[in-house]
């Protein structure tokens, strides 16, 4: 669904930014998200405004999950870092990686560097682990010639859309993520863990509850059981909080899956997912999950200098394919650890 910005919004129970330097509106088509904040006049510095209005901003995020800052002329990574610090606290390093990124400056990274013709499915950042950032921010520096949007979807509404039997099983069993790290498939372990030695990896895995098995010096296999659903610590709402559909082999092209299965076998696939008890997840379940995300998708075009701030538990994000140059950088903040345990 493509949408346009219109209509002023008053967030129930929350006063609008009181200093009059900004105006709030919303994206037509989704009454709740994202809230759009624009400068009311010249000279508004977004990082300064965010620092002075952080409680208001956090309250809006807890209701709507997303805030889009538009028209502030943001074109500098340093200023983006300063905004994220003001809005969410210190930026986090990207460790235990699942996708290729380039470190731009400090803890600001490029968005996932998959080929331009590929769609990146909906996901909540790092929900394949038991610890994730509560805040994720995006800065649009170069807008693609066509598409290249960062669609968003409310993970509370995704949860509500799913059949009860799917929700119950994911809540009770969680998700087992099985990953194989080798130089010839996916990401090598040194990249994923940002480590140089096996001992460093083993220490990280022990601390995170990850089962690590060294097949060889170059081949590491890990297993971790994580939450399928999580309760937001501030709102108490249930959120669909996993990447089962994204890591499952069914997310790959069928012809590639056939080759991988023939050459390596299921146990050596780069990534795969199961229920937390190790049982397989039916294809119909993944179809329902993808349909739920698609039904809640909100797609709007980037403008240069846009900053999108998400509550990472309440709002999932994706990436549309694109043509031409595109540059979006990302910062993550506010660490949180899951309290979920298997039933």
Protein backbone atom coordinates (compact mmCIF):
# COMPACT_ATOMS: atom_id res chain seq x y z
CA UNK A 1 0.00 0.00 0.00
CA UNK A 2 1.48 3.37 -0.99
CA UNK A 3 0.50 6.30 1.16
CA UNK A 4 0.78 10.06 1.35
CA UNK A 5 1.38 12.36 4.30
CA UNK A 6 -1.65 14.27 5.52
CA UNK A 7 -3.84 15.05 8.51
CA UNK A 8 -2.59 16.35 11.82
CA UNK A 9 -2.64 13.79 14.60
CA UNK A 10 -3.18 14.09 18.32
CA UNK A 11 -1.86 11.04 20.11
CA UNK A 12 -4.40 9.93 22.74
CA UNK A 13 -3.19 10.72 26.23
CA UNK A 14 0.00 12.42 25.02
CA UNK A 15 0.42 16.13 24.53
CA UNK A 16 2.03 17.15 21.23
CA UNK A 17 5.58 18.46 21.36
CA UNK A 18 5.05 21.50 23.53
CA UNK A 19 7.64 23.93 22.24
CA UNK A 20 5.96 24.55 18.89
CA UNK A 21 9.09 23.93 16.85
CA UNK A 22 7.61 20.87 15.13
CA UNK A 23 4.34 19.75 13.60
CA UNK A 24 2.98 16.22 13.80
CA UNK A 25 0.96 14.37 11.19
CA UNK A 26 0.47 10.80 10.08
CA UNK A 27 0.66 8.68 6.99
CA UNK A 28 -2.74 8.27 5.39
CA UNK A 29 -3.96 4.68 5.23
CA UNK A 30 -2.54 3.60 8.57
CA UNK A 31 -4.10 5.77 11.30
CA UNK A 32 -1.56 4.70 13.89
CA UNK A 33 1.86 4.56 12.30
CA UNK A 34 4.16 6.12 11.62
CA UNK A 35 3.74 9.49 13.28
CA UNK A 36 5.40 12.10 11.05
CA UNK A 37 7.33 14.94 12.68
CA UNK A 38 8.30 18.00 10.59
CA UNK A 39 10.01 21.25 11.58
CA UNK A 40 7.53 24.12 11.92
CA UNK A 41 10.18 26.61 10.80
CA UNK A 42 13.84 26.98 9.91
CA UNK A 43 16.76 26.16 12.17
CA UNK A 44 15.36 23.18 14.11
CA UNK A 45 18.21 20.78 14.96
CA UNK A 46 16.72 17.30 15.23
CA UNK A 47 19.22 15.95 17.79
CA UNK A 48 18.62 18.90 20.12
CA UNK A 49 14.85 18.62 19.74
CA UNK A 50 14.96 14.87 20.45
CA UNK A 51 17.01 15.35 23.61
CA UNK A 52 14.55 17.93 24.94
CA UNK A 53 11.47 15.86 24.01
CA UNK A 54 12.68 12.32 24.67
CA UNK A 55 9.84 11.35 27.08
CA UNK A 56 7.24 12.49 24.52
CA UNK A 57 9.06 10.62 21.76
CA UNK A 58 9.26 7.41 23.78
CA UNK A 59 5.54 7.63 24.61
CA UNK A 60 4.65 8.04 20.95
CA UNK A 61 6.85 5.08 20.01
CA UNK A 62 5.12 2.91 22.62
CA UNK A 63 1.74 3.70 21.05
CA UNK A 64 2.59 3.75 17.34
CA UNK A 65 5.91 1.93 17.06
CA UNK A 66 7.37 4.30 14.44
CA UNK A 67 8.22 7.96 14.00
CA UNK A 68 9.29 9.45 10.67
CA UNK A 69 11.28 12.69 10.85
CA UNK A 70 10.99 14.53 7.56
CA UNK A 71 12.27 17.91 6.39
CA UNK A 72 15.08 18.34 8.92
CA UNK A 73 17.79 18.24 6.23
CA UNK A 74 19.69 15.40 7.86
CA UNK A 75 22.61 14.50 5.57
CA UNK A 76 25.45 13.72 7.94
CA UNK A 77 26.33 10.48 9.73
CA UNK A 78 27.78 12.34 12.71
CA UNK A 79 24.53 14.24 13.16
CA UNK A 80 22.57 10.98 12.82
CA UNK A 81 24.70 9.46 15.58
CA UNK A 82 24.01 12.49 17.75
CA UNK A 83 20.27 12.17 17.10
CA UNK A 84 20.27 8.47 18.03
CA UNK A 85 22.18 9.22 21.22
CA UNK A 86 19.66 11.94 22.13
CA UNK A 87 16.64 9.79 21.27
CA UNK A 88 17.73 6.32 22.39
CA UNK A 89 21.13 6.25 24.09
CA UNK A 90 24.51 4.90 23.01
CA UNK A 91 24.61 3.01 19.72
CA UNK A 92 25.30 -0.71 19.87
CA UNK A 93 27.88 -2.66 17.88
CA UNK A 94 26.52 -5.14 15.33
CA UNK A 95 27.69 -8.49 16.72
CA UNK A 96 26.37 -12.01 16.15
CA UNK A 97 25.60 -10.93 12.60
CA UNK A 98 23.12 -12.42 10.17
CA UNK A 99 23.66 -10.21 7.11
CA UNK A 100 26.49 -8.39 5.34
CA UNK A 101 26.92 -4.76 6.38
CA UNK A 102 29.72 -2.20 6.24
CA UNK A 103 30.66 -0.15 9.26
CA UNK A 104 30.31 3.48 8.17
CA UNK A 105 31.43 5.28 11.31
CA UNK A 106 31.34 4.34 14.97
CA UNK A 107 28.35 2.04 15.37
CA UNK A 108 26.53 3.26 12.28
CA UNK A 109 26.33 0.64 9.52
CA UNK A 110 24.99 0.35 6.02
CA UNK A 111 21.62 -1.33 5.73
CA UNK A 112 21.83 -4.99 4.67
CA UNK A 113 23.90 -5.29 1.51
CA UNK A 114 21.83 -7.78 -0.47
CA UNK A 115 21.57 -7.41 -4.26
CA UNK A 116 19.28 -4.60 -5.42
CA UNK A 117 16.87 -6.95 -7.19
CA UNK A 118 16.11 -8.90 -4.00
CA UNK A 119 13.41 -8.26 -1.42
CA UNK A 120 14.42 -8.48 2.22
CA UNK A 121 11.42 -9.96 4.05
CA UNK A 122 9.87 -8.46 7.16
CA UNK A 123 11.70 -9.01 10.42
CA UNK A 124 12.33 -7.45 13.80
CA UNK A 125 16.04 -6.74 14.14
CA UNK A 126 18.11 -9.51 15.79
CA UNK A 127 15.01 -11.41 16.93
CA UNK A 128 16.88 -14.60 15.97
CA UNK A 129 18.70 -14.11 19.29
CA UNK A 130 17.64 -13.77 22.92
CA UNK A 131 18.98 -10.18 23.07
CA UNK A 132 18.14 -7.34 20.72
CA UNK A 133 18.05 -3.54 20.42
CA UNK A 134 14.79 -1.88 21.45
CA UNK A 135 15.46 1.01 19.05
CA UNK A 136 16.57 0.99 15.44
CA UNK A 137 16.99 4.13 13.36
CA UNK A 138 17.42 4.60 9.61
CA UNK A 139 18.79 7.60 7.73
CA UNK A 140 18.07 7.92 4.01
CA UNK A 141 21.12 9.50 2.36
CA UNK A 142 20.53 8.53 -1.29
CA UNK A 143 17.04 7.72 -2.59
CA UNK A 144 16.82 4.94 -5.19
CA UNK A 145 15.65 5.73 -8.70
CA UNK A 146 12.74 3.34 -8.23
CA UNK A 147 11.39 1.59 -5.12
CA UNK A 148 13.95 0.88 -2.39
CA UNK A 149 11.43 1.58 0.36
CA UNK A 150 11.75 0.29 3.92
CA UNK A 151 8.24 -1.11 4.53
CA UNK A 152 7.10 -1.46 8.14
CA UNK A 153 4.52 -3.72 9.82
CA UNK A 154 3.15 -3.69 13.35
CA UNK A 155 4.28 -6.92 15.03
CA UNK A 156 1.36 -6.75 17.49
CA UNK A 157 -1.08 -6.82 14.62
CA UNK A 158 0.90 -9.59 12.91
CA UNK A 159 0.56 -11.64 16.10
CA UNK A 160 -3.18 -10.97 16.21
CA UNK A 161 -3.63 -12.03 12.56
CA UNK A 162 -2.06 -15.43 13.00
CA UNK A 163 -4.22 -18.47 13.82
CA UNK A 164 -4.31 -19.31 17.51
CA UNK A 165 -2.70 -22.72 17.02
CA UNK A 166 0.35 -21.11 15.37
CA UNK A 167 0.69 -18.49 18.07
CA UNK A 168 0.34 -21.08 20.84
CA UNK A 169 3.02 -23.39 19.47
CA UNK A 170 5.54 -20.59 18.90
CA UNK A 171 4.86 -19.18 22.36
CA UNK A 172 5.26 -22.57 24.03
CA UNK A 173 8.16 -24.05 22.05
CA UNK A 174 10.02 -21.07 20.63
CA UNK A 175 12.28 -21.35 17.59
CA UNK A 176 15.49 -23.33 17.13
CA UNK A 177 17.98 -21.63 14.82
CA UNK A 178 20.61 -23.86 13.25
CA UNK A 179 23.44 -22.08 11.44
CA UNK A 180 26.55 -23.30 9.64
CA UNK A 181 29.40 -20.82 9.17
CA UNK A 182 31.96 -21.63 6.50
CA UNK A 183 34.12 -19.66 4.06
CA UNK A 184 32.18 -21.10 1.12
CA UNK A 185 28.58 -20.50 2.27
CA UNK A 186 26.88 -17.51 3.88
CA UNK A 187 28.98 -15.52 6.37
CA UNK A 188 32.21 -16.90 7.88
CA UNK A 189 32.31 -17.18 11.67
CA UNK A 190 34.91 -14.45 12.12
CA UNK A 191 32.55 -12.00 10.44
CA UNK A 192 29.44 -13.15 12.32
CA UNK A 193 30.99 -13.04 15.78
CA UNK A 194 33.49 -10.26 15.09
CA UNK A 195 36.10 -12.54 16.63
CA UNK A 196 39.54 -13.82 15.70
CA UNK A 197 39.78 -17.00 17.73
CA UNK A 198 37.63 -20.05 18.41
CA UNK A 199 37.99 -19.34 22.13
CA UNK A 200 36.37 -15.93 21.72
CA UNK A 201 33.45 -17.51 19.86
CA UNK A 202 33.06 -20.25 22.48
CA UNK A 203 32.99 -17.66 25.26
CA UNK A 204 30.33 -15.60 23.46
CA UNK A 205 28.20 -18.69 22.81
CA UNK A 206 28.37 -19.84 26.42
CA UNK A 207 27.26 -16.40 27.61
CA UNK A 208 24.35 -16.32 25.13
CA UNK A 209 23.13 -19.89 25.60
CA UNK A 210 24.22 -20.93 22.10
CA UNK A 211 25.35 -24.50 21.47
CA UNK A 212 28.55 -24.36 19.40
CA UNK A 213 29.99 -27.35 17.54
CA UNK A 214 33.26 -27.09 15.64
CA UNK A 215 33.10 -29.37 12.62
CA UNK A 216 36.55 -28.13 11.56
CA UNK A 217 38.66 -24.99 12.05
CA UNK A 218 36.72 -23.35 9.23
CA UNK A 219 33.29 -24.85 9.87
CA UNK A 220 31.22 -23.92 12.93
CA UNK A 221 27.65 -25.08 13.57
CA UNK A 222 25.47 -23.41 16.19
CA UNK A 223 22.06 -24.12 17.65
CA UNK A 224 20.05 -21.71 19.76
CA UNK A 225 16.47 -21.85 21.02
CA UNK A 226 14.87 -18.41 21.26
CA UNK A 227 11.47 -16.88 21.78
CA UNK A 228 8.78 -17.01 19.12
CA UNK A 229 6.67 -14.38 20.86
CA UNK A 230 7.82 -11.71 23.32
CA UNK A 231 6.04 -9.39 25.73
CA UNK A 232 6.98 -5.73 25.36
CA UNK A 233 8.58 -4.56 28.64
CA UNK A 234 6.86 -1.14 28.60
CA UNK A 235 3.44 -1.85 27.07
CA UNK A 236 2.85 -5.47 28.15
CA UNK A 237 1.69 -6.37 24.61
CA UNK A 238 2.55 -9.60 22.84
CA UNK A 239 4.73 -9.15 19.74
CA UNK A 240 5.63 -11.60 16.99
CA UNK A 241 9.36 -11.69 17.74
CA UNK A 242 11.34 -14.20 15.68
CA UNK A 243 12.91 -14.76 12.29
CA UNK A 244 11.75 -18.34 11.74
CA UNK A 245 10.43 -17.62 8.24
CA UNK A 246 13.54 -15.64 7.25
CA UNK A 247 16.08 -18.27 8.35
CA UNK A 248 14.11 -21.27 7.12
CA UNK A 249 15.34 -22.97 3.98
CA UNK A 250 11.98 -22.23 2.32
CA UNK A 251 13.01 -18.57 2.06
CA UNK A 252 15.58 -19.53 -0.59
CA UNK A 253 15.01 -20.14 -4.28
CA UNK A 254 13.80 -23.75 -4.71
CA UNK A 255 16.45 -24.55 -7.31
CA UNK A 256 19.18 -23.38 -4.91
CA UNK A 257 17.66 -25.44 -2.09
CA UNK A 258 17.79 -28.54 -4.28
CA UNK A 259 21.50 -27.99 -4.96
CA UNK A 260 22.32 -27.27 -1.31
CA UNK A 261 20.44 -30.33 -0.08
CA UNK A 262 22.14 -32.57 -2.64
CA UNK A 263 25.64 -31.20 -2.03
CA UNK A 264 25.60 -30.59 1.74
CA UNK A 265 22.55 -32.23 3.33
CA UNK A 266 20.04 -30.64 5.67
CA UNK A 267 22.38 -30.61 8.67
CA UNK A 268 24.90 -28.44 6.78
CA UNK A 269 22.54 -25.86 5.30
CA UNK A 270 23.76 -22.34 6.05
CA UNK A 271 20.58 -21.57 8.00
CA UNK A 272 17.45 -23.37 8.98
CA UNK A 273 14.77 -23.23 11.65
CA UNK A 274 12.69 -25.69 13.63
CA UNK A 275 10.36 -25.51 16.59
CA UNK A 276 12.29 -25.31 19.84
CA UNK A 277 11.87 -29.05 20.42
CA UNK A 278 13.60 -29.77 17.10
CA UNK A 279 10.46 -30.75 15.19
CA UNK A 280 9.94 -29.37 11.67
CA UNK A 281 7.75 -26.36 10.95
CA UNK A 282 5.13 -27.02 8.26
CA UNK A 283 5.31 -24.92 5.06
CA UNK A 284 1.71 -23.82 5.66
CA UNK A 285 2.85 -22.11 8.86
CA UNK A 286 5.42 -20.03 7.02
CA UNK A 287 2.83 -19.15 4.39
CA UNK A 288 0.52 -17.84 7.13
CA UNK A 289 3.33 -15.80 8.70
CA UNK A 290 4.27 -14.20 5.39
CA UNK A 291 0.61 -13.47 4.61
CA UNK A 292 0.18 -11.78 8.00
CA UNK A 293 3.19 -9.55 7.40
CA UNK A 294 2.01 -8.67 3.90
CA UNK A 295 -1.46 -7.79 5.19
CA UNK A 296 0.04 -5.33 7.70
CA UNK A 297 2.64 -3.83 5.34
CA UNK A 298 2.90 -0.06 5.17
CA UNK A 299 5.01 1.15 2.26
CA UNK A 300 5.97 4.80 1.75
CA UNK A 301 8.68 6.37 -0.42
CA UNK A 302 11.88 7.63 1.15
CA UNK A 303 12.83 11.28 0.82
CA UNK A 304 16.46 12.33 1.10
CA UNK A 305 17.27 13.20 4.70
CA UNK A 306 14.39 11.17 6.18
CA UNK A 307 15.04 9.60 9.56
CA UNK A 308 12.85 6.66 10.60
CA UNK A 309 12.95 5.60 14.26
CA UNK A 310 11.32 2.30 15.24
CA UNK A 311 10.52 0.50 18.44
CA UNK A 312 12.14 -2.73 17.30
CA UNK A 313 9.71 -4.96 19.17
CA UNK A 314 6.55 -3.20 18.07
CA UNK A 315 7.48 -2.60 14.43
CA UNK A 316 9.06 -4.97 11.91
CA UNK A 317 10.77 -3.70 8.77
CA UNK A 318 11.71 -4.97 5.32
CA UNK A 319 13.35 -3.72 2.11
CA UNK A 320 11.87 -3.45 -1.36
CA UNK A 321 14.03 -4.15 -4.42
CA UNK A 322 15.32 -1.07 -6.21
CA UNK A 323 17.13 0.39 -9.19
CA UNK A 324 19.82 3.04 -9.19
CA UNK A 325 21.94 4.09 -6.25
CA UNK A 326 20.51 3.76 -2.75
CA UNK A 327 22.14 4.47 0.59
CA UNK A 328 20.44 3.98 3.93
CA UNK A 329 22.47 3.80 7.13
CA UNK A 330 21.36 2.19 10.37
CA UNK A 331 21.97 2.61 14.09
CA UNK A 332 20.75 0.38 16.92
CA UNK A 333 20.38 1.26 20.60
CA UNK A 334 18.81 0.34 23.96
CA UNK A 335 19.73 -3.32 24.59
CA UNK A 336 17.12 -5.74 25.91
CA UNK A 337 17.32 -9.40 26.89
CA UNK A 338 14.40 -11.79 26.52
CA UNK A 339 12.86 -13.28 29.64
CA UNK A 340 11.28 -16.16 27.69
CA UNK A 341 12.02 -19.76 28.63
CA UNK A 342 10.72 -22.92 26.94
CA UNK A 343 7.58 -24.40 28.46
